[in-house]
């Protein structure tokens, strides 16, 4: 009896690990989607500053 319970627990934990990894990926993708505009704006501003400074040289 105890071996069956232990086997079920082991297989259940593996399934939960998969679910946890999927949830983490979903959260990360969501953060990228939410902050995409801000990241693009920051990069564009940096490139604008770089190009303006190179024009002075």
PDB file of N, CA and C in Angstrom:
ATOM      1  N   UNK A   1       0.818  -1.196   0.000  1.00  0.00           N
ATOM      2  CA  UNK A   1       0.000   0.000   0.000  1.00  0.00           C
ATOM      3  C   UNK A   1       0.861   1.260   0.000  1.00  0.00           C
ATOM      4  N   UNK A   2       1.881   1.287   0.866  1.00  0.00           N
ATOM      5  CA  UNK A   2       2.702   2.487   0.960  1.00  0.00           C
ATOM      6  C   UNK A   2       3.459   2.737  -0.340  1.00  0.00           C
ATOM      7  N   UNK A   3       3.863   1.701  -1.040  1.00  0.00           N
ATOM      8  CA  UNK A   3       4.604   1.878  -2.286  1.00  0.00           C
ATOM      9  C   UNK A   3       3.726   2.512  -3.352  1.00  0.00           C
ATOM     10  N   UNK A   4       2.450   2.140  -3.402  1.00  0.00           N
ATOM     11  CA  UNK A   4       1.564   2.744  -4.399  1.00  0.00           C
ATOM     12  C   UNK A   4       1.405   4.236  -4.128  1.00  0.00           C
ATOM     13  N   UNK A   5       1.235   4.621  -2.890  1.00  0.00           N
ATOM     14  CA  UNK A   5       1.088   6.030  -2.551  1.00  0.00           C
ATOM     15  C   UNK A   5       2.335   6.820  -2.889  1.00  0.00           C
ATOM     16  N   UNK A   6       3.493   6.216  -2.634  1.00  0.00           N
ATOM     17  CA  UNK A   6       4.756   6.880  -2.929  1.00  0.00           C
ATOM     18  C   UNK A   6       4.933   7.044  -4.435  1.00  0.00           C
ATOM     19  N   UNK A   7       4.581   6.034  -5.200  1.00  0.00           N
ATOM     20  CA  UNK A   7       4.689   6.129  -6.661  1.00  0.00           C
ATOM     21  C   UNK A   7       3.765   7.205  -7.214  1.00  0.00           C
ATOM     22  N   UNK A   8       2.554   7.269  -6.688  1.00  0.00           N
ATOM     23  CA  UNK A   8       1.610   8.293  -7.144  1.00  0.00           C
ATOM     24  C   UNK A   8       2.135   9.690  -6.806  1.00  0.00           C
ATOM     25  N   UNK A   9       2.723   9.841  -5.639  1.00  0.00           N
ATOM     26  CA  UNK A   9       3.266  11.131  -5.229  1.00  0.00           C
ATOM     27  C   UNK A   9       4.417  11.544  -6.145  1.00  0.00           C
ATOM     28  N   UNK A  10       5.270  10.604  -6.486  1.00  0.00           N
ATOM     29  CA  UNK A  10       6.405  10.914  -7.359  1.00  0.00           C
ATOM     30  C   UNK A  10       5.928  11.343  -8.746  1.00  0.00           C
ATOM     31  N   UNK A  11       4.960  10.647  -9.303  1.00  0.00           N
ATOM     32  CA  UNK A  11       4.485  11.020 -10.635  1.00  0.00           C
ATOM     33  C   UNK A  11       3.718  12.340 -10.584  1.00  0.00           C
ATOM     34  N   UNK A  12       3.028  12.598  -9.505  1.00  0.00           N
ATOM     35  CA  UNK A  12       2.276  13.847  -9.370  1.00  0.00           C
ATOM     36  C   UNK A  12       3.223  15.032  -9.303  1.00  0.00           C
ATOM     37  N   UNK A  13       4.345  14.914  -8.622  1.00  0.00           N
ATOM     38  CA  UNK A  13       5.305  16.012  -8.511  1.00  0.00           C
ATOM     39  C   UNK A  13       5.915  16.340  -9.865  1.00  0.00           C
ATOM     40  N   UNK A  14       6.150  15.340 -10.689  1.00  0.00           N
ATOM     41  CA  UNK A  14       6.695  15.604 -12.019  1.00  0.00           C
ATOM     42  C   UNK A  14       5.698  16.413 -12.841  1.00  0.00           C
ATOM     43  N   UNK A  15       4.431  16.080 -12.745  1.00  0.00           N
ATOM     44  CA  UNK A  15       3.409  16.824 -13.464  1.00  0.00           C
ATOM     45  C   UNK A  15       3.333  18.256 -12.976  1.00  0.00           C
ATOM     46  N   UNK A  16       3.444  18.462 -11.685  1.00  0.00           N
ATOM     47  CA  UNK A  16       3.397  19.814 -11.148  1.00  0.00           C
ATOM     48  C   UNK A  16       4.608  20.616 -11.611  1.00  0.00           C
ATOM     49  N   UNK A  17       5.750  19.981 -11.758  1.00  0.00           N
ATOM     50  CA  UNK A  17       6.930  20.685 -12.254  1.00  0.00           C
ATOM     51  C   UNK A  17       6.702  21.221 -13.657  1.00  0.00           C
ATOM     52  N   UNK A  18       6.067  20.431 -14.491  1.00  0.00           N
ATOM     53  CA  UNK A  18       5.758  20.849 -15.852  1.00  0.00           C
ATOM     54  C   UNK A  18       4.798  22.027 -15.839  1.00  0.00           C
ATOM     55  N   UNK A  19       3.778  21.948 -15.000  1.00  0.00           N
ATOM     56  CA  UNK A  19       2.805  23.029 -14.907  1.00  0.00           C
ATOM     57  C   UNK A  19       3.486  24.300 -14.411  1.00  0.00           C
ATOM     58  N   UNK A  20       4.368  24.179 -13.457  1.00  0.00           N
ATOM     59  CA  UNK A  20       5.078  25.346 -12.932  1.00  0.00           C
ATOM     60  C   UNK A  20       5.940  25.992 -14.000  1.00  0.00           C
ATOM     61  N   UNK A  21       6.639  25.192 -14.788  1.00  0.00           N
ATOM     62  CA  UNK A  21       7.483  25.732 -15.856  1.00  0.00           C
ATOM     63  C   UNK A  21       6.626  26.455 -16.883  1.00  0.00           C
ATOM     64  N   UNK A  22       5.495  25.882 -17.238  1.00  0.00           N
ATOM     65  CA  UNK A  22       4.594  26.519 -18.209  1.00  0.00           C
ATOM     66  C   UNK A  22       4.075  27.842 -17.662  1.00  0.00           C
ATOM     67  N   UNK A  23       3.710  27.875 -16.386  1.00  0.00           N
ATOM     68  CA  UNK A  23       3.227  29.126 -15.788  1.00  0.00           C
ATOM     69  C   UNK A  23       4.316  30.196 -15.767  1.00  0.00           C
ATOM     70  N   UNK A  24       5.539  29.813 -15.470  1.00  0.00           N
ATOM     71  CA  UNK A  24       6.647  30.766 -15.471  1.00  0.00           C
ATOM     72  C   UNK A  24       6.853  31.337 -16.873  1.00  0.00           C
ATOM     73  N   UNK A  25       6.803  30.487 -17.883  1.00  0.00           N
ATOM     74  CA  UNK A  25       6.957  30.948 -19.261  1.00  0.00           C
ATOM     75  C   UNK A  25       5.844  31.912 -19.637  1.00  0.00           C
ATOM     76  N   UNK A  26       4.618  31.591 -19.240  1.00  0.00           N
ATOM     77  CA  UNK A  26       3.480  32.464 -19.547  1.00  0.00           C
ATOM     78  C   UNK A  26       3.665  33.834 -18.889  1.00  0.00           C
ATOM     79  N   UNK A  27       4.118  33.850 -17.643  1.00  0.00           N
ATOM     80  CA  UNK A  27       4.341  35.122 -16.940  1.00  0.00           C
ATOM     81  C   UNK A  27       5.436  35.930 -17.635  1.00  0.00           C
ATOM     82  N   UNK A  28       6.530  35.284 -18.016  1.00  0.00           N
ATOM     83  CA  UNK A  28       7.616  35.992 -18.697  1.00  0.00           C
ATOM     84  C   UNK A  28       7.175  36.568 -20.036  1.00  0.00           C
ATOM     85  N   UNK A  29       6.430  35.797 -20.797  1.00  0.00           N
ATOM     86  CA  UNK A  29       5.927  36.296 -22.082  1.00  0.00           C
ATOM     87  C   UNK A  29       4.987  37.472 -21.849  1.00  0.00           C
ATOM     88  N   UNK A  30       4.150  37.378 -20.822  1.00  0.00           N
ATOM     89  CA  UNK A  30       3.253  38.479 -20.496  1.00  0.00           C
ATOM     90  C   UNK A  30       4.010  39.743 -20.147  1.00  0.00           C
ATOM     91  N   UNK A  31       5.083  39.624 -19.373  1.00  0.00           N
ATOM     92  CA  UNK A  31       5.889  40.794 -19.019  1.00  0.00           C
ATOM     93  C   UNK A  31       6.538  41.417 -20.246  1.00  0.00           C
ATOM     94  N   UNK A  32       7.013  40.595 -21.146  1.00  0.00           N
ATOM     95  CA  UNK A  32       7.626  41.118 -22.371  1.00  0.00           C
ATOM     96  C   UNK A  32       6.584  41.872 -23.192  1.00  0.00           C
ATOM     97  N   UNK A  33       5.389  41.322 -23.285  1.00  0.00           N
ATOM     98  CA  UNK A  33       4.330  41.985 -24.051  1.00  0.00           C
ATOM     99  C   UNK A  33       3.956  43.310 -23.396  1.00  0.00           C
ATOM    100  N   UNK A  34       3.853  43.331 -22.075  1.00  0.00           N
ATOM    101  CA  UNK A  34       3.451  44.545 -21.359  1.00  0.00           C
ATOM    102  C   UNK A  34       4.503  45.639 -21.518  1.00  0.00           C
ATOM    103  N   UNK A  35       5.782  45.307 -21.381  1.00  0.00           N
ATOM    104  CA  UNK A  35       6.837  46.308 -21.369  1.00  0.00           C
ATOM    105  C   UNK A  35       7.536  46.470 -22.718  1.00  0.00           C
ATOM    106  N   UNK A  36       6.985  45.894 -23.775  1.00  0.00           N
ATOM    107  CA  UNK A  36       7.623  45.976 -25.084  1.00  0.00           C
ATOM    108  C   UNK A  36       7.766  47.420 -25.543  1.00  0.00           C
ATOM    109  N   UNK A  37       6.728  48.207 -25.407  1.00  0.00           N
ATOM    110  CA  UNK A  37       6.762  49.598 -25.858  1.00  0.00           C
ATOM    111  C   UNK A  37       7.820  50.390 -25.104  1.00  0.00           C
ATOM    112  N   UNK A  38       7.912  50.211 -23.797  1.00  0.00           N
ATOM    113  CA  UNK A  38       8.895  50.933 -23.013  1.00  0.00           C
ATOM    114  C   UNK A  38      10.320  50.545 -23.406  1.00  0.00           C
ATOM    115  N   UNK A  39      10.542  49.265 -23.634  1.00  0.00           N
ATOM    116  CA  UNK A  39      11.868  48.797 -24.030  1.00  0.00           C
ATOM    117  C   UNK A  39      12.250  49.369 -25.389  1.00  0.00           C
ATOM    118  N   UNK A  40      11.314  49.360 -26.323  1.00  0.00           N
ATOM    119  CA  UNK A  40      11.581  49.905 -27.659  1.00  0.00           C
ATOM    120  C   UNK A  40      11.864  51.399 -27.573  1.00  0.00           C
ATOM    121  N   UNK A  41      11.101  52.128 -26.759  1.00  0.00           N
ATOM    122  CA  UNK A  41      11.330  53.569 -26.599  1.00  0.00           C
ATOM    123  C   UNK A  41      12.719  53.858 -26.032  1.00  0.00           C
ATOM    124  N   UNK A  42      13.132  53.110 -25.038  1.00  0.00           N
ATOM    125  CA  UNK A  42      14.460  53.303 -24.437  1.00  0.00           C
ATOM    126  C   UNK A  42      15.556  53.049 -25.465  1.00  0.00           C
ATOM    127  N   UNK A  43      15.445  51.976 -26.217  1.00  0.00           N
ATOM    128  CA  UNK A  43      16.468  51.648 -27.218  1.00  0.00           C
ATOM    129  C   UNK A  43      16.496  52.712 -28.310  1.00  0.00           C
ATOM    130  N   UNK A  44      15.331  53.161 -28.759  1.00  0.00           N
ATOM    131  CA  UNK A  44      15.296  54.201 -29.792  1.00  0.00           C
ATOM    132  C   UNK A  44      15.920  55.499 -29.293  1.00  0.00           C
ATOM    133  N   UNK A  45      15.641  55.878 -28.049  1.00  0.00           N
ATOM    134  CA  UNK A  45      16.242  57.086 -27.485  1.00  0.00           C
ATOM    135  C   UNK A  45      17.761  56.968 -27.411  1.00  0.00           C
ATOM    136  N   UNK A  46      18.245  55.815 -27.027  1.00  0.00           N
ATOM    137  CA  UNK A  46      19.691  55.608 -26.962  1.00  0.00           C
ATOM    138  C   UNK A  46      20.330  55.748 -28.345  1.00  0.00           C
ATOM    139  N   UNK A  47      19.707  55.133 -29.361  1.00  0.00           N
ATOM    140  CA  UNK A  47      20.259  55.231 -30.709  1.00  0.00           C
ATOM    141  C   UNK A  47      20.193  56.659 -31.232  1.00  0.00           C
ATOM    142  N   UNK A  48      19.143  57.400 -30.892  1.00  0.00           N
ATOM    143  CA  UNK A  48      19.054  58.810 -31.290  1.00  0.00           C
ATOM    144  C   UNK A  48      20.183  59.620 -30.673  1.00  0.00           C
ATOM    145  N   UNK A  49      20.454  59.412 -29.390  1.00  0.00           N
ATOM    146  CA  UNK A  49      21.537  60.125 -28.713  1.00  0.00           C
ATOM    147  C   UNK A  49      22.885  59.768 -29.327  1.00  0.00           C
ATOM    148  N   UNK A  50      23.072  58.499 -29.626  1.00  0.00           N
ATOM    149  CA  UNK A  50      24.339  58.063 -30.223  1.00  0.00           C
ATOM    150  C   UNK A  50      24.523  58.699 -31.590  1.00  0.00           C
ATOM    151  N   UNK A  51      23.488  58.701 -32.398  1.00  0.00           N
ATOM    152  CA  UNK A  51      23.615  59.272 -33.748  1.00  0.00           C
ATOM    153  C   UNK A  51      23.832  60.784 -33.683  1.00  0.00           C
ATOM    154  N   UNK A  52      23.207  61.478 -32.730  1.00  0.00           N
ATOM    155  CA  UNK A  52      23.428  62.915 -32.596  1.00  0.00           C
ATOM    156  C   UNK A  52      24.849  63.221 -32.163  1.00  0.00           C
ATOM    157  N   UNK A  53      25.403  62.404 -31.284  1.00  0.00           N
ATOM    158  CA  UNK A  53      26.778  62.631 -30.815  1.00  0.00           C
ATOM    159  C   UNK A  53      27.800  62.294 -31.908  1.00  0.00           C
ATOM    160  N   UNK A  54      27.510  61.326 -32.737  1.00  0.00           N
ATOM    161  CA  UNK A  54      28.450  61.002 -33.814  1.00  0.00           C
ATOM    162  C   UNK A  54      28.440  62.075 -34.890  1.00  0.00           C
ATOM    163  N   UNK A  55      27.318  62.790 -35.061  1.00  0.00           N
ATOM    164  CA  UNK A  55      27.266  63.884 -36.024  1.00  0.00           C
ATOM    165  C   UNK A  55      28.186  65.031 -35.605  1.00  0.00           C
ATOM    166  N   UNK A  56      28.397  65.201 -34.311  1.00  0.00           N
ATOM    167  CA  UNK A  56      29.267  66.268 -33.801  1.00  0.00           C
ATOM    168  C   UNK A  56      30.735  65.974 -34.082  1.00  0.00           C
ATOM    169  N   UNK A  57      31.089  64.717 -34.217  1.00  0.00           N
ATOM    170  CA  UNK A  57      32.498  64.333 -34.387  1.00  0.00           C
ATOM    171  C   UNK A  57      32.954  64.558 -35.782  1.00  0.00           C
TER     172      UNK A  57
END
